[in-house]
Amino acid sequence: MQGRPKILNHGLTVVEFPFLSHVHVSNFIICLFQVVGEKRIILYDSNESENLYPHEGSFLSNTAQVNPEEPDYKTFPNYKNSVAWECHLKQGEILYIPPKWWHHVRSLSTSFSVSFWWT
């Protein structure tokens, strides 16, 4: 139907503790459903891109070089200027991630998640 969002992809993620993702971005709406366990998600608005130092080139351009857990301010000085939101996603909760928002995910326990991506 015209005008309705189209589900592009969905995924089931079972992770052993510990799990860590790099800071990355997607062009799609993401809904992350936490079925079991708990995750910490750090979110950055799309306006923060230059403070996150994305890799250059097309292959990793959706991945930041900065590590928010141990930032290297000497190598990435503008990271000090970034604004982040932190979310602890627990069993039964859903997180909406807007398009082009950067996110970093760490499992805080063994967990199971379901994610859906929309255009």
PDB file of N, CA and C in Angstrom:
ATOM      1  N   MET A   1       0.823  -1.178   0.000  1.00  0.00           N
ATOM      2  CA  MET A   1       0.000   0.000   0.000  1.00  0.00           C
ATOM      3  C   MET A   1       0.870   1.246   0.000  1.00  0.00           C
ATOM      4  N   GLN A   2       0.446   2.211  -0.744  1.00  0.00           N
ATOM      5  CA  GLN A   2       1.189   3.448  -0.818  1.00  0.00           C
ATOM      6  C   GLN A   2       1.068   4.233   0.485  1.00  0.00           C
ATOM      7  N   GLY A   3       2.171   4.863   0.918  1.00  0.00           N
ATOM      8  CA  GLY A   3       2.146   5.674   2.113  1.00  0.00           C
ATOM      9  C   GLY A   3       2.378   4.922   3.414  1.00  0.00           C
ATOM     10  N   ARG A   4       2.427   3.605   3.376  1.00  0.00           N
ATOM     11  CA  ARG A   4       2.663   2.828   4.586  1.00  0.00           C
ATOM     12  C   ARG A   4       4.121   2.405   4.635  1.00  0.00           C
ATOM     13  N   PRO A   5       4.713   2.360   5.836  1.00  0.00           N
ATOM     14  CA  PRO A   5       6.106   1.926   5.934  1.00  0.00           C
ATOM     15  C   PRO A   5       6.257   0.481   5.478  1.00  0.00           C
ATOM     16  N   LYS A   6       7.398   0.191   4.914  1.00  0.00           N
ATOM     17  CA  LYS A   6       7.681  -1.160   4.455  1.00  0.00           C
ATOM     18  C   LYS A   6       8.743  -1.764   5.364  1.00  0.00           C
ATOM     19  N   ILE A   7       8.460  -2.947   5.913  1.00  0.00           N
ATOM     20  CA  ILE A   7       9.460  -3.637   6.719  1.00  0.00           C
ATOM     21  C   ILE A   7      10.524  -4.158   5.772  1.00  0.00           C
ATOM     22  N   LEU A   8      11.746  -3.686   5.967  1.00  0.00           N
ATOM     23  CA  LEU A   8      12.852  -4.094   5.111  1.00  0.00           C
ATOM     24  C   LEU A   8      13.501  -5.371   5.588  1.00  0.00           C
ATOM     25  N   ASN A   9      13.631  -5.473   6.893  1.00  0.00           N
ATOM     26  CA  ASN A   9      14.386  -6.571   7.429  1.00  0.00           C
ATOM     27  C   ASN A   9      13.953  -6.783   8.870  1.00  0.00           C
ATOM     28  N   HIS A  10      14.210  -7.943   9.366  1.00  0.00           N
ATOM     29  CA  HIS A  10      14.000  -8.215  10.777  1.00  0.00           C
ATOM     30  C   HIS A  10      15.076  -9.201  11.194  1.00  0.00           C
ATOM     31  N   GLY A  11      15.331  -9.234  12.453  1.00  0.00           N
ATOM     32  CA  GLY A  11      16.383 -10.128  12.898  1.00  0.00           C
ATOM     33  C   GLY A  11      16.160 -10.615  14.307  1.00  0.00           C
ATOM     34  N   LEU A  12      16.644 -11.788  14.562  1.00  0.00           N
ATOM     35  CA  LEU A  12      16.651 -12.350  15.903  1.00  0.00           C
ATOM     36  C   LEU A  12      18.109 -12.374  16.342  1.00  0.00           C
ATOM     37  N   THR A  13      18.354 -11.885  17.530  1.00  0.00           N
ATOM     38  CA  THR A  13      19.724 -11.844  18.013  1.00  0.00           C
ATOM     39  C   THR A  13      19.792 -12.515  19.372  1.00  0.00           C
ATOM     40  N   VAL A  14      20.553 -13.578  19.456  1.00  0.00           N
ATOM     41  CA  VAL A  14      20.834 -14.227  20.729  1.00  0.00           C
ATOM     42  C   VAL A  14      22.318 -13.999  20.972  1.00  0.00           C
ATOM     43  N   VAL A  15      22.641 -13.384  22.088  1.00  0.00           N
ATOM     44  CA  VAL A  15      24.050 -13.108  22.343  1.00  0.00           C
ATOM     45  C   VAL A  15      24.457 -13.663  23.695  1.00  0.00           C
ATOM     46  N   GLU A  16      25.658 -14.163  23.711  1.00  0.00           N
ATOM     47  CA  GLU A  16      26.254 -14.595  24.960  1.00  0.00           C
ATOM     48  C   GLU A  16      26.868 -13.371  25.616  1.00  0.00           C
ATOM     49  N   PHE A  17      26.909 -13.384  26.894  1.00  0.00           N
ATOM     50  CA  PHE A  17      27.496 -12.294  27.647  1.00  0.00           C
ATOM     51  C   PHE A  17      29.004 -12.471  27.634  1.00  0.00           C
ATOM     52  N   PRO A  18      29.830 -11.512  27.386  1.00  0.00           N
ATOM     53  CA  PRO A  18      29.476 -10.150  27.000  1.00  0.00           C
ATOM     54  C   PRO A  18      29.401  -9.980  25.482  1.00  0.00           C
ATOM     55  N   PHE A  19      28.607  -9.050  25.025  1.00  0.00           N
ATOM     56  CA  PHE A  19      28.498  -8.678  23.611  1.00  0.00           C
ATOM     57  C   PHE A  19      28.666  -7.178  23.522  1.00  0.00           C
ATOM     58  N   LEU A  20      29.395  -6.734  22.489  1.00  0.00           N
ATOM     59  CA  LEU A  20      29.648  -5.314  22.309  1.00  0.00           C
ATOM     60  C   LEU A  20      29.644  -5.000  20.828  1.00  0.00           C
ATOM     61  N   SER A  21      28.937  -3.953  20.437  1.00  0.00           N
ATOM     62  CA  SER A  21      28.992  -3.490  19.052  1.00  0.00           C
ATOM     63  C   SER A  21      29.751  -2.171  18.998  1.00  0.00           C
ATOM     64  N   HIS A  22      30.345  -1.893  17.863  1.00  0.00           N
ATOM     65  CA  HIS A  22      30.934  -0.580  17.641  1.00  0.00           C
ATOM     66  C   HIS A  22      29.799   0.426  17.491  1.00  0.00           C
ATOM     67  N   VAL A  23      30.113   1.704  17.630  1.00  0.00           N
ATOM     68  CA  VAL A  23      29.123   2.738  17.343  1.00  0.00           C
ATOM     69  C   VAL A  23      28.852   2.667  15.844  1.00  0.00           C
ATOM     70  N   HIS A  24      27.586   2.545  15.473  1.00  0.00           N
ATOM     71  CA  HIS A  24      27.230   2.437  14.063  1.00  0.00           C
ATOM     72  C   HIS A  24      25.895   3.136  13.814  1.00  0.00           C
ATOM     73  N   VAL A  25      25.567   3.309  12.544  1.00  0.00           N
ATOM     74  CA  VAL A  25      24.375   4.047  12.157  1.00  0.00           C
ATOM     75  C   VAL A  25      23.641   3.280  11.065  1.00  0.00           C
ATOM     76  N   SER A  26      22.326   3.472  11.005  1.00  0.00           N
ATOM     77  CA  SER A  26      21.503   2.875   9.967  1.00  0.00           C
ATOM     78  C   SER A  26      20.610   3.965   9.375  1.00  0.00           C
ATOM     79  N   ASN A  27      20.273   3.832   8.118  1.00  0.00           N
ATOM     80  CA  ASN A  27      19.378   4.791   7.464  1.00  0.00           C
ATOM     81  C   ASN A  27      17.902   4.470   7.695  1.00  0.00           C
ATOM     82  N   PHE A  28      17.628   3.444   8.484  1.00  0.00           N
ATOM     83  CA  PHE A  28      16.263   2.963   8.658  1.00  0.00           C
ATOM     84  C   PHE A  28      15.756   3.204  10.080  1.00  0.00           C
ATOM     85  N   ILE A  29      14.443   3.170  10.232  1.00  0.00           N
ATOM     86  CA  ILE A  29      13.821   3.137  11.552  1.00  0.00           C
ATOM     87  C   ILE A  29      14.092   1.744  12.117  1.00  0.00           C
ATOM     88  N   ILE A  30      14.501   1.694  13.373  1.00  0.00           N
ATOM     89  CA  ILE A  30      14.746   0.400  14.021  1.00  0.00           C
ATOM     90  C   ILE A  30      13.908   0.327  15.291  1.00  0.00           C
ATOM     91  N   CYS A  31      13.211  -0.788  15.465  1.00  0.00           N
ATOM     92  CA  CYS A  31      12.555  -1.091  16.731  1.00  0.00           C
ATOM     93  C   CYS A  31      13.234  -2.328  17.294  1.00  0.00           C
ATOM     94  N   LEU A  32      13.801  -2.169  18.475  1.00  0.00           N
ATOM     95  CA  LEU A  32      14.536  -3.252  19.122  1.00  0.00           C
ATOM     96  C   LEU A  32      13.720  -3.749  20.311  1.00  0.00           C
ATOM     97  N   PHE A  33      13.284  -4.987  20.250  1.00  0.00           N
ATOM     98  CA  PHE A  33      12.476  -5.614  21.293  1.00  0.00           C
ATOM     99  C   PHE A  33      13.391  -6.501  22.134  1.00  0.00           C
ATOM    100  N   GLN A  34      13.480  -6.225  23.409  1.00  0.00           N
ATOM    101  CA  GLN A  34      14.320  -7.031  24.299  1.00  0.00           C
ATOM    102  C   GLN A  34      13.456  -8.122  24.917  1.00  0.00           C
ATOM    103  N   VAL A  35      13.684  -9.358  24.511  1.00  0.00           N
ATOM    104  CA  VAL A  35      12.862 -10.484  24.961  1.00  0.00           C
ATOM    105  C   VAL A  35      13.385 -11.040  26.281  1.00  0.00           C
ATOM    106  N   VAL A  36      14.704 -11.244  26.356  1.00  0.00           N
ATOM    107  CA  VAL A  36      15.337 -11.798  27.549  1.00  0.00           C
ATOM    108  C   VAL A  36      16.615 -11.018  27.809  1.00  0.00           C
ATOM    109  N   GLY A  37      16.945 -10.788  29.058  1.00  0.00           N
ATOM    110  CA  GLY A  37      18.203 -10.144  29.410  1.00  0.00           C
ATOM    111  C   GLY A  37      18.116  -8.632  29.361  1.00  0.00           C
ATOM    112  N   GLU A  38      19.298  -8.027  29.366  1.00  0.00           N
ATOM    113  CA  GLU A  38      19.378  -6.565  29.419  1.00  0.00           C
ATOM    114  C   GLU A  38      20.548  -6.079  28.572  1.00  0.00           C
ATOM    115  N   LYS A  39      20.340  -4.924  27.916  1.00  0.00           N
ATOM    116  CA  LYS A  39      21.382  -4.289  27.111  1.00  0.00           C
ATOM    117  C   LYS A  39      21.473  -2.817  27.475  1.00  0.00           C
ATOM    118  N   ARG A  40      22.668  -2.276  27.326  1.00  0.00           N
ATOM    119  CA  ARG A  40      22.845  -0.828  27.439  1.00  0.00           C
ATOM    120  C   ARG A  40      23.074  -0.308  26.032  1.00  0.00           C
ATOM    121  N   ILE A  41      22.308   0.710  25.657  1.00  0.00           N
ATOM    122  CA  ILE A  41      22.437   1.322  24.331  1.00  0.00           C
ATOM    123  C   ILE A  41      22.785   2.790  24.537  1.00  0.00           C
ATOM    124  N   ILE A  42      23.826   3.241  23.847  1.00  0.00           N
ATOM    125  CA  ILE A  42      24.179   4.657  23.848  1.00  0.00           C
ATOM    126  C   ILE A  42      23.775   5.186  22.483  1.00  0.00           C
ATOM    127  N   LEU A  43      22.976   6.261  22.475  1.00  0.00           N
ATOM    128  CA  LEU A  43      22.433   6.837  21.248  1.00  0.00           C
ATOM    129  C   LEU A  43      22.990   8.234  21.011  1.00  0.00           C
ATOM    130  N   TYR A  44      23.215   8.543  19.729  1.00  0.00           N
ATOM    131  CA  TYR A  44      23.677   9.864  19.316  1.00  0.00           C
ATOM    132  C   TYR A  44      22.822  10.326  18.145  1.00  0.00           C
ATOM    133  N   ASP A  45      22.355  11.551  18.205  1.00  0.00           N
ATOM    134  CA  ASP A  45      21.617  12.162  17.103  1.00  0.00           C
ATOM    135  C   ASP A  45      22.498  12.188  15.850  1.00  0.00           C
ATOM    136  N   SER A  46      21.870  12.206  14.701  1.00  0.00           N
ATOM    137  CA  SER A  46      22.620  12.233  13.433  1.00  0.00           C
ATOM    138  C   SER A  46      23.497  13.477  13.312  1.00  0.00           C
ATOM    139  N   ASN A  47      23.160  14.542  14.033  1.00  0.00           N
ATOM    140  CA  ASN A  47      23.975  15.759  14.007  1.00  0.00           C
ATOM    141  C   ASN A  47      25.330  15.574  14.683  1.00  0.00           C
ATOM    142  N   GLU A  48      25.514  14.473  15.375  1.00  0.00           N
ATOM    143  CA  GLU A  48      26.774  14.206  16.089  1.00  0.00           C
ATOM    144  C   GLU A  48      27.816  13.494  15.220  1.00  0.00           C
ATOM    145  N   SER A  49      27.520  13.253  13.960  1.00  0.00           N
ATOM    146  CA  SER A  49      28.404  12.450  13.106  1.00  0.00           C
ATOM    147  C   SER A  49      29.859  12.902  13.134  1.00  0.00           C
ATOM    148  N   GLU A  50      30.107  14.191  12.976  1.00  0.00           N
ATOM    149  CA  GLU A  50      31.504  14.638  12.911  1.00  0.00           C
ATOM    150  C   GLU A  50      32.227  14.443  14.248  1.00  0.00           C
ATOM    151  N   ASN A  51      31.494  14.413  15.358  1.00  0.00           N
ATOM    152  CA  ASN A  51      32.117  14.184  16.663  1.00  0.00           C
ATOM    153  C   ASN A  51      32.407  12.712  16.929  1.00  0.00           C
ATOM    154  N   LEU A  52      31.872  11.825  16.087  1.00  0.00           N
ATOM    155  CA  LEU A  52      32.048  10.383  16.275  1.00  0.00           C
ATOM    156  C   LEU A  52      33.118   9.793  15.354  1.00  0.00           C
ATOM    157  N   TYR A  53      33.620  10.590  14.438  1.00  0.00           N
ATOM    158  CA  TYR A  53      34.704  10.183  13.547  1.00  0.00           C
ATOM    159  C   TYR A  53      34.387   8.898  12.772  1.00  0.00           C
ATOM    160  N   PRO A  54      33.396   8.955  11.872  1.00  0.00           N
ATOM    161  CA  PRO A  54      33.115   7.773  11.047  1.00  0.00           C
ATOM    162  C   PRO A  54      34.328   7.420  10.191  1.00  0.00           C
ATOM    163  N   HIS A  55      34.486   6.137   9.924  1.00  0.00           N
ATOM    164  CA  HIS A  55      35.542   5.694   9.017  1.00  0.00           C
ATOM    165  C   HIS A  55      35.287   6.303   7.644  1.00  0.00           C
ATOM    166  N   GLU A  56      36.341   6.620   6.947  1.00  0.00           N
ATOM    167  CA  GLU A  56      36.196   7.157   5.596  1.00  0.00           C
ATOM    168  C   GLU A  56      36.085   6.012   4.605  1.00  0.00           C
ATOM    169  N   GLY A  57      35.469   6.278   3.473  1.00  0.00           N
ATOM    170  CA  GLY A  57      35.252   5.246   2.467  1.00  0.00           C
ATOM    171  C   GLY A  57      33.878   4.636   2.642  1.00  0.00           C
ATOM    172  N   SER A  58      33.440   3.890   1.655  1.00  0.00           N
ATOM    173  CA  SER A  58      32.069   3.388   1.665  1.00  0.00           C
ATOM    174  C   SER A  58      31.870   2.151   2.534  1.00  0.00           C
ATOM    175  N   PHE A  59      32.890   1.323   2.717  1.00  0.00           N
ATOM    176  CA  PHE A  59      32.691   0.049   3.403  1.00  0.00           C
ATOM    177  C   PHE A  59      32.343   0.219   4.879  1.00  0.00           C
ATOM    178  N   LEU A  60      33.059   1.064   5.609  1.00  0.00           N
ATOM    179  CA  LEU A  60      32.809   1.242   7.036  1.00  0.00           C
ATOM    180  C   LEU A  60      32.305   2.638   7.381  1.00  0.00           C
ATOM    181  N   SER A  61      31.770   3.348   6.408  1.00  0.00           N
ATOM    182  CA  SER A  61      31.322   4.723   6.654  1.00  0.00           C
ATOM    183  C   SER A  61      30.159   4.803   7.641  1.00  0.00           C
ATOM    184  N   ASN A  62      29.515   3.672   7.929  1.00  0.00           N
ATOM    185  CA  ASN A  62      28.425   3.658   8.905  1.00  0.00           C
ATOM    186  C   ASN A  62      28.919   3.276  10.302  1.00  0.00           C
ATOM    187  N   THR A  63      30.247   3.211  10.475  1.00  0.00           N
ATOM    188  CA  THR A  63      30.842   2.813  11.744  1.00  0.00           C
ATOM    189  C   THR A  63      31.793   3.896  12.238  1.00  0.00           C
ATOM    190  N   ALA A  64      31.659   4.262  13.507  1.00  0.00           N
ATOM    191  CA  ALA A  64      32.509   5.291  14.093  1.00  0.00           C
ATOM    192  C   ALA A  64      33.826   4.688  14.565  1.00  0.00           C
ATOM    193  N   GLN A  65      34.842   5.529  14.593  1.00  0.00           N
ATOM    194  CA  GLN A  65      36.137   5.092  15.101  1.00  0.00           C
ATOM    195  C   GLN A  65      36.234   5.218  16.620  1.00  0.00           C
ATOM    196  N   VAL A  66      35.439   6.087  17.203  1.00  0.00           N
ATOM    197  CA  VAL A  66      35.521   6.379  18.631  1.00  0.00           C
ATOM    198  C   VAL A  66      34.909   5.251  19.449  1.00  0.00           C
ATOM    199  N   ASN A  67      35.492   4.968  20.597  1.00  0.00           N
ATOM    200  CA  ASN A  67      34.951   3.979  21.529  1.00  0.00           C
ATOM    201  C   ASN A  67      34.374   4.744  22.721  1.00  0.00           C
ATOM    202  N   PRO A  68      33.045   4.799  22.871  1.00  0.00           N
ATOM    203  CA  PRO A  68      32.463   5.598  23.942  1.00  0.00           C
ATOM    204  C   PRO A  68      32.776   5.081  25.346  1.00  0.00           C
ATOM    205  N   GLU A  69      33.185   3.838  25.450  1.00  0.00           N
ATOM    206  CA  GLU A  69      33.510   3.287  26.766  1.00  0.00           C
ATOM    207  C   GLU A  69      34.915   3.675  27.214  1.00  0.00           C
ATOM    208  N   GLU A  70      35.810   3.918  26.254  1.00  0.00           N
ATOM    209  CA  GLU A  70      37.176   4.343  26.546  1.00  0.00           C
ATOM    210  C   GLU A  70      37.612   5.338  25.476  1.00  0.00           C
ATOM    211  N   PRO A  71      37.025   6.537  25.479  1.00  0.00           N
ATOM    212  CA  PRO A  71      37.348   7.489  24.414  1.00  0.00           C
ATOM    213  C   PRO A  71      38.797   7.970  24.473  1.00  0.00           C
ATOM    214  N   ASP A  72      39.398   8.053  23.310  1.00  0.00           N
ATOM    215  CA  ASP A  72      40.757   8.571  23.165  1.00  0.00           C
ATOM    216  C   ASP A  72      40.624  10.029  22.722  1.00  0.00           C
ATOM    217  N   TYR A  73      40.632  10.939  23.693  1.00  0.00           N
ATOM    218  CA  TYR A  73      40.416  12.353  23.392  1.00  0.00           C
ATOM    219  C   TYR A  73      41.588  12.987  22.642  1.00  0.00           C
ATOM    220  N   LYS A  74      42.744  12.365  22.725  1.00  0.00           N
ATOM    221  CA  LYS A  74      43.894  12.893  21.982  1.00  0.00           C
ATOM    222  C   LYS A  74      43.708  12.644  20.489  1.00  0.00           C
ATOM    223  N   THR A  75      43.260  11.453  20.143  1.00  0.00           N
ATOM    224  CA  THR A  75      43.028  11.095  18.735  1.00  0.00           C
ATOM    225  C   THR A  75      41.705  11.658  18.224  1.00  0.00           C
ATOM    226  N   PHE A  76      40.690  11.687  19.091  1.00  0.00           N
ATOM    227  CA  PHE A  76      39.346  12.128  18.704  1.00  0.00           C
ATOM    228  C   PHE A  76      38.869  13.275  19.604  1.00  0.00           C
ATOM    229  N   PRO A  77      39.489  14.448  19.509  1.00  0.00           N
ATOM    230  CA  PRO A  77      39.187  15.537  20.450  1.00  0.00           C
ATOM    231  C   PRO A  77      37.748  16.051  20.397  1.00  0.00           C
ATOM    232  N   ASN A  78      37.091  15.998  19.242  1.00  0.00           N
ATOM    233  CA  ASN A  78      35.720  16.511  19.141  1.00  0.00           C
ATOM    234  C   ASN A  78      34.694  15.616  19.832  1.00  0.00           C
ATOM    235  N   TYR A  79      35.115  14.401  20.204  1.00  0.00           N
ATOM    236  CA  TYR A  79      34.176  13.520  20.897  1.00  0.00           C
ATOM    237  C   TYR A  79      33.703  14.146  22.211  1.00  0.00           C
ATOM    238  N   LYS A  80      34.549  14.987  22.817  1.00  0.00           N
ATOM    239  CA  LYS A  80      34.171  15.682  24.056  1.00  0.00           C
ATOM    240  C   LYS A  80      32.916  16.537  23.858  1.00  0.00           C
ATOM    241  N   ASN A  81      32.679  16.971  22.623  1.00  0.00           N
ATOM    242  CA  ASN A  81      31.538  17.840  22.316  1.00  0.00           C
ATOM    243  C   ASN A  81      30.261  17.063  22.012  1.00  0.00           C
ATOM    244  N   SER A  82      30.347  15.748  21.930  1.00  0.00           N
ATOM    245  CA  SER A  82      29.166  14.963  21.555  1.00  0.00           C
ATOM    246  C   SER A  82      28.174  14.882  22.705  1.00  0.00           C
ATOM    247  N   VAL A  83      26.913  14.751  22.340  1.00  0.00           N
ATOM    248  CA  VAL A  83      25.830  14.579  23.307  1.00  0.00           C
ATOM    249  C   VAL A  83      25.251  13.189  23.094  1.00  0.00           C
ATOM    250  N   ALA A  84      25.180  12.419  24.163  1.00  0.00           N
ATOM    251  CA  ALA A  84      24.695  11.041  24.061  1.00  0.00           C
ATOM    252  C   ALA A  84      23.531  10.819  25.028  1.00  0.00           C
ATOM    253  N   TRP A  85      22.686   9.866  24.678  1.00  0.00           N
ATOM    254  CA  TRP A  85      21.613   9.391  25.553  1.00  0.00           C
ATOM    255  C   TRP A  85      21.904   7.935  25.845  1.00  0.00           C
ATOM    256  N   GLU A  86      21.739   7.537  27.097  1.00  0.00           N
ATOM    257  CA  GLU A  86      21.984   6.157  27.476  1.00  0.00           C
ATOM    258  C   GLU A  86      20.675   5.502  27.889  1.00  0.00           C
ATOM    259  N   CYS A  87      20.479   4.291  27.414  1.00  0.00           N
ATOM    260  CA  CYS A  87      19.250   3.543  27.685  1.00  0.00           C
ATOM    261  C   CYS A  87      19.633   2.160  28.189  1.00  0.00           C
ATOM    262  N   HIS A  88      18.976   1.713  29.264  1.00  0.00           N
ATOM    263  CA  HIS A  88      19.121   0.332  29.714  1.00  0.00           C
ATOM    264  C   HIS A  88      17.840  -0.387  29.316  1.00  0.00           C
ATOM    265  N   LEU A  89      17.950  -1.216  28.299  1.00  0.00           N
ATOM    266  CA  LEU A  89      16.794  -1.923  27.752  1.00  0.00           C
ATOM    267  C   LEU A  89      16.656  -3.256  28.483  1.00  0.00           C
ATOM    268  N   LYS A  90      15.524  -3.421  29.153  1.00  0.00           N
ATOM    269  CA  LYS A  90      15.298  -4.620  29.958  1.00  0.00           C
ATOM    270  C   LYS A  90      14.259  -5.521  29.304  1.00  0.00           C
ATOM    271  N   GLN A  91      14.187  -6.736  29.807  1.00  0.00           N
ATOM    272  CA  GLN A  91      13.234  -7.724  29.303  1.00  0.00           C
ATOM    273  C   GLN A  91      11.842  -7.127  29.190  1.00  0.00           C
ATOM    274  N   GLY A  92      11.220  -7.283  28.006  1.00  0.00           N
ATOM    275  CA  GLY A  92       9.864  -6.793  27.778  1.00  0.00           C
ATOM    276  C   GLY A  92       9.788  -5.363  27.282  1.00  0.00           C
ATOM    277  N   GLU A  93      10.927  -4.685  27.146  1.00  0.00           N
ATOM    278  CA  GLU A  93      10.922  -3.295  26.701  1.00  0.00           C
ATOM    279  C   GLU A  93      11.280  -3.186  25.216  1.00  0.00           C
ATOM    280  N   ILE A  94      10.880  -2.071  24.620  1.00  0.00           N
ATOM    281  CA  ILE A  94      11.117  -1.797  23.197  1.00  0.00           C
ATOM    282  C   ILE A  94      11.818  -0.451  23.085  1.00  0.00           C
ATOM    283  N   LEU A  95      12.816  -0.378  22.224  1.00  0.00           N
ATOM    284  CA  LEU A  95      13.503   0.878  21.950  1.00  0.00           C
ATOM    285  C   LEU A  95      13.306   1.247  20.489  1.00  0.00           C
ATOM    286  N   TYR A  96      12.865   2.475  20.251  1.00  0.00           N
ATOM    287  CA  TYR A  96      12.737   3.042  18.904  1.00  0.00           C
ATOM    288  C   TYR A  96      14.014   3.819  18.617  1.00  0.00           C
ATOM    289  N   ILE A  97      14.693   3.480  17.528  1.00  0.00           N
ATOM    290  CA  ILE A  97      15.895   4.198  17.104  1.00  0.00           C
ATOM    291  C   ILE A  97      15.564   4.890  15.787  1.00  0.00           C
ATOM    292  N   PRO A  98      15.557   6.225  15.789  1.00  0.00           N
ATOM    293  CA  PRO A  98      15.224   6.952  14.557  1.00  0.00           C
ATOM    294  C   PRO A  98      16.259   6.716  13.455  1.00  0.00           C
ATOM    295  N   PRO A  99      15.881   6.940  12.207  1.00  0.00           N
ATOM    296  CA  PRO A  99      16.830   6.806  11.101  1.00  0.00           C
ATOM    297  C   PRO A  99      18.022   7.732  11.305  1.00  0.00           C
ATOM    298  N   LYS A 100      19.192   7.250  10.936  1.00  0.00           N
ATOM    299  CA  LYS A 100      20.454   7.999  10.951  1.00  0.00           C
ATOM    300  C   LYS A 100      20.939   8.351  12.352  1.00  0.00           C
ATOM    301  N   TRP A 101      20.390   7.697  13.376  1.00  0.00           N
ATOM    302  CA  TRP A 101      20.912   7.885  14.724  1.00  0.00           C
ATOM    303  C   TRP A 101      21.978   6.825  14.971  1.00  0.00           C
ATOM    304  N   TRP A 102      23.104   7.259  15.507  1.00  0.00           N
ATOM    305  CA  TRP A 102      24.213   6.369  15.844  1.00  0.00           C
ATOM    306  C   TRP A 102      23.857   5.618  17.119  1.00  0.00           C
ATOM    307  N   HIS A 103      24.309   4.373  17.231  1.00  0.00           N
ATOM    308  CA  HIS A 103      24.044   3.601  18.437  1.00  0.00           C
ATOM    309  C   HIS A 103      25.175   2.614  18.722  1.00  0.00           C
ATOM    310  N   HIS A 104      25.379   2.406  19.998  1.00  0.00           N
ATOM    311  CA  HIS A 104      26.410   1.509  20.528  1.00  0.00           C
ATOM    312  C   HIS A 104      25.687   0.576  21.487  1.00  0.00           C
ATOM    313  N   VAL A 105      25.918  -0.728  21.372  1.00  0.00           N
ATOM    314  CA  VAL A 105      25.161  -1.702  22.161  1.00  0.00           C
ATOM    315  C   VAL A 105      26.118  -2.597  22.941  1.00  0.00           C
ATOM    316  N   ARG A 106      25.811  -2.771  24.212  1.00  0.00           N
ATOM    317  CA  ARG A 106      26.541  -3.729  25.047  1.00  0.00           C
ATOM    318  C   ARG A 106      25.518  -4.569  25.794  1.00  0.00           C
ATOM    319  N   SER A 107      25.691  -5.900  25.723  1.00  0.00           N
ATOM    320  CA  SER A 107      24.818  -6.766  26.531  1.00  0.00           C
ATOM    321  C   SER A 107      25.303  -6.717  27.966  1.00  0.00           C
ATOM    322  N   LEU A 108      24.371  -6.655  28.876  1.00  0.00           N
ATOM    323  CA  LEU A 108      24.695  -6.660  30.293  1.00  0.00           C
ATOM    324  C   LEU A 108      24.447  -8.035  30.908  1.00  0.00           C
ATOM    325  N   SER A 109      23.899  -8.919  30.095  1.00  0.00           N
ATOM    326  CA  SER A 109      23.664 -10.311  30.481  1.00  0.00           C
ATOM    327  C   SER A 109      23.441 -11.099  29.194  1.00  0.00           C
ATOM    328  N   THR A 110      23.346 -12.424  29.295  1.00  0.00           N
ATOM    329  CA  THR A 110      22.952 -13.197  28.130  1.00  0.00           C
ATOM    330  C   THR A 110      21.579 -12.693  27.715  1.00  0.00           C
ATOM    331  N   SER A 111      21.398 -12.444  26.409  1.00  0.00           N
ATOM    332  CA  SER A 111      20.150 -11.803  26.003  1.00  0.00           C
ATOM    333  C   SER A 111      19.652 -12.307  24.659  1.00  0.00           C
ATOM    334  N   PHE A 112      18.383 -12.012  24.428  1.00  0.00           N
ATOM    335  CA  PHE A 112      17.703 -12.371  23.187  1.00  0.00           C
ATOM    336  C   PHE A 112      16.879 -11.177  22.772  1.00  0.00           C
ATOM    337  N   SER A 113      17.089 -10.705  21.544  1.00  0.00           N
ATOM    338  CA  SER A 113      16.390  -9.525  21.034  1.00  0.00           C
ATOM    339  C   SER A 113      15.797  -9.817  19.675  1.00  0.00           C
ATOM    340  N   VAL A 114      14.775  -9.051  19.322  1.00  0.00           N
ATOM    341  CA  VAL A 114      14.193  -9.071  17.983  1.00  0.00           C
ATOM    342  C   VAL A 114      14.196  -7.639  17.482  1.00  0.00           C
ATOM    343  N   SER A 115      14.692  -7.441  16.264  1.00  0.00           N
ATOM    344  CA  SER A 115      14.700  -6.079  15.708  1.00  0.00           C
ATOM    345  C   SER A 115      13.989  -6.060  14.360  1.00  0.00           C
ATOM    346  N   PHE A 116      13.330  -4.948  14.092  1.00  0.00           N
ATOM    347  CA  PHE A 116      12.670  -4.702  12.821  1.00  0.00           C
ATOM    348  C   PHE A 116      13.184  -3.382  12.256  1.00  0.00           C
ATOM    349  N   TRP A 117      13.439  -3.356  10.952  1.00  0.00           N
ATOM    350  CA  TRP A 117      13.910  -2.148  10.262  1.00  0.00           C
ATOM    351  C   TRP A 117      12.852  -1.732   9.252  1.00  0.00           C
ATOM    352  N   TRP A 118      12.502  -0.435   9.274  1.00  0.00           N
ATOM    353  CA  TRP A 118      11.524   0.114   8.341  1.00  0.00           C
ATOM    354  C   TRP A 118      12.137   1.237   7.514  1.00  0.00           C
ATOM    355  N   THR A 119      11.541   1.445   6.329  1.00  0.00           N
ATOM    356  CA  THR A 119      11.916   2.610   5.525  1.00  0.00           C
ATOM    357  C   THR A 119      11.030   3.759   5.935  1.00  0.00           C
TER     358      THR A 119
END
